[in-house]
Each structure stands twice: as C-alpha cells, then as structure tokens.
Amino acid sequence: MAPIEEEDLPRRRQVLEKPRFDGWDVSQLEEYIAELRAEIARAEAGIAARKDHRAAADAFFRKP
C-alpha cells in the first residue's frame, strides 16, 4: 500500500483573520464584501456538489 501523502489528508479549516476596518474607505469595504460573497458562493457550490454526489450514491445503492 502506498504511503499517505500529507496533501491527501483533510486540512483543518483556517481561522479567518478579522480585519480592522479603521481607515478603510467605502470602496475598500465594498470590495472586501464582494470577496467574501465570492468565497461564500464557492463554499455553497462545494456543498451542492457533495450533496449531489451523496444523492447519486444513495440512488445507486437504494434497494428496489
């Protein structure tokens, strides 16, 4: 059996650093929000893909 590579192990979720908004102007805040929304959309797509995969597996192994 091949040894397990470190990159194959599940990664721990990184803790997001909460930036201080002192000194940020409105456009910087809006850009930050847009980046967060894009990351949320990416996470939601990952969730949907996993749910679809699970549903397909459940349908395949379901007893008639």
C-alpha atoms as a PDB file:
ATOM      1  CA  MET A   1       0.000   0.000   0.000  1.00  0.00           C
ATOM      2  CA  ALA A   2       1.300   3.464  -0.887  1.00  0.00           C
ATOM      3  CA  PRO A   3       2.168   5.804   1.984  1.00  0.00           C
ATOM      4  CA  ILE A   4      -0.318   8.569   2.726  1.00  0.00           C
ATOM      5  CA  GLU A   5       0.892  11.913   1.461  1.00  0.00           C
ATOM      6  CA  GLU A   6       0.376  14.988   3.614  1.00  0.00           C
ATOM      7  CA  GLU A   7      -1.590  16.718   0.849  1.00  0.00           C
ATOM      8  CA  ASP A   8      -4.042  13.785   0.824  1.00  0.00           C
ATOM      9  CA  LEU A   9      -5.005  14.341   4.458  1.00  0.00           C
ATOM     10  CA  PRO A  10      -8.018  16.522   5.256  1.00  0.00           C
ATOM     11  CA  ARG A  11      -6.986  20.061   6.012  1.00  0.00           C
ATOM     12  CA  ARG A  12      -8.092  21.889   9.074  1.00  0.00           C
ATOM     13  CA  ARG A  13     -10.231  24.904   8.379  1.00  0.00           C
ATOM     14  CA  GLN A  14      -8.208  28.065   8.596  1.00  0.00           C
ATOM     15  CA  VAL A  15      -9.398  30.661  11.042  1.00  0.00           C
ATOM     16  CA  LEU A  16     -10.090  33.839   9.163  1.00  0.00           C
ATOM     17  CA  GLU A  17      -8.343  36.888  10.443  1.00  0.00           C
ATOM     18  CA  LYS A  18     -10.883  39.566  11.232  1.00  0.00           C
ATOM     19  CA  PRO A  19      -9.571  42.778   9.747  1.00  0.00           C
ATOM     20  CA  ARG A  20      -9.921  46.097  11.469  1.00  0.00           C
ATOM     21  CA  PHE A  21     -11.936  48.465   9.356  1.00  0.00           C
ATOM     22  CA  ASP A  22     -10.408  51.614  10.801  1.00  0.00           C
ATOM     23  CA  GLY A  23      -9.148  53.661   7.893  1.00  0.00           C
ATOM     24  CA  TRP A  24     -10.957  51.679   5.188  1.00  0.00           C
ATOM     25  CA  ASP A  25     -12.989  53.749   2.773  1.00  0.00           C
ATOM     26  CA  VAL A  26     -16.362  52.699   1.372  1.00  0.00           C
ATOM     27  CA  SER A  27     -14.904  51.235  -1.834  1.00  0.00           C
ATOM     28  CA  GLN A  28     -12.455  49.086   0.135  1.00  0.00           C
ATOM     29  CA  LEU A  29     -15.273  47.782   2.319  1.00  0.00           C
ATOM     30  CA  GLU A  30     -17.412  47.029  -0.738  1.00  0.00           C
ATOM     31  CA  GLU A  31     -14.504  45.177  -2.360  1.00  0.00           C
ATOM     32  CA  TYR A  32     -13.992  43.159   0.827  1.00  0.00           C
ATOM     33  CA  ILE A  33     -17.686  42.252   0.920  1.00  0.00           C
ATOM     34  CA  ALA A  34     -17.553  41.178  -2.745  1.00  0.00           C
ATOM     35  CA  GLU A  35     -14.586  38.904  -1.972  1.00  0.00           C
ATOM     36  CA  LEU A  36     -16.440  37.367   0.976  1.00  0.00           C
ATOM     37  CA  ARG A  37     -19.555  36.788  -1.142  1.00  0.00           C
ATOM     38  CA  ALA A  38     -17.433  35.083  -3.806  1.00  0.00           C
ATOM     39  CA  GLU A  39     -15.924  32.798  -1.163  1.00  0.00           C
ATOM     40  CA  ILE A  40     -19.383  32.025   0.234  1.00  0.00           C
ATOM     41  CA  ALA A  41     -20.580  31.139  -3.284  1.00  0.00           C
ATOM     42  CA  ARG A  42     -17.576  28.838  -3.711  1.00  0.00           C
ATOM     43  CA  ALA A  43     -18.330  27.099  -0.404  1.00  0.00           C
ATOM     44  CA  GLU A  44     -22.013  26.731  -1.329  1.00  0.00           C
ATOM     45  CA  ALA A  45     -21.009  25.185  -4.671  1.00  0.00           C
ATOM     46  CA  GLY A  46     -18.841  22.689  -2.785  1.00  0.00           C
ATOM     47  CA  ILE A  47     -21.762  21.814  -0.536  1.00  0.00           C
ATOM     48  CA  ALA A  48     -24.091  21.359  -3.513  1.00  0.00           C
ATOM     49  CA  ALA A  49     -21.565  19.119  -5.275  1.00  0.00           C
ATOM     50  CA  ARG A  50     -21.213  16.916  -2.205  1.00  0.00           C
ATOM     51  CA  LYS A  51     -24.979  16.687  -1.749  1.00  0.00           C
ATOM     52  CA  ASP A  52     -25.409  15.752  -5.419  1.00  0.00           C
ATOM     53  CA  HIS A  53     -22.714  13.112  -5.113  1.00  0.00           C
ATOM     54  CA  ARG A  54     -24.356  11.697  -1.992  1.00  0.00           C
ATOM     55  CA  ALA A  55     -27.791  11.667  -3.658  1.00  0.00           C
ATOM     56  CA  ALA A  56     -26.372   9.814  -6.658  1.00  0.00           C
ATOM     57  CA  ALA A  57     -24.699   7.254  -4.398  1.00  0.00           C
ATOM     58  CA  ASP A  58     -27.899   6.803  -2.385  1.00  0.00           C
ATOM     59  CA  ALA A  59     -29.920   6.304  -5.575  1.00  0.00           C
ATOM     60  CA  PHE A  60     -27.394   3.791  -6.911  1.00  0.00           C
ATOM     61  CA  PHE A  61     -27.391   1.688  -3.747  1.00  0.00           C
ATOM     62  CA  ARG A  62     -31.090   2.027  -2.937  1.00  0.00           C
ATOM     63  CA  LYS A  63     -32.915  -1.265  -2.754  1.00  0.00           C
ATOM     64  CA  PRO A  64     -35.740  -1.537  -5.325  1.00  0.00           C
END
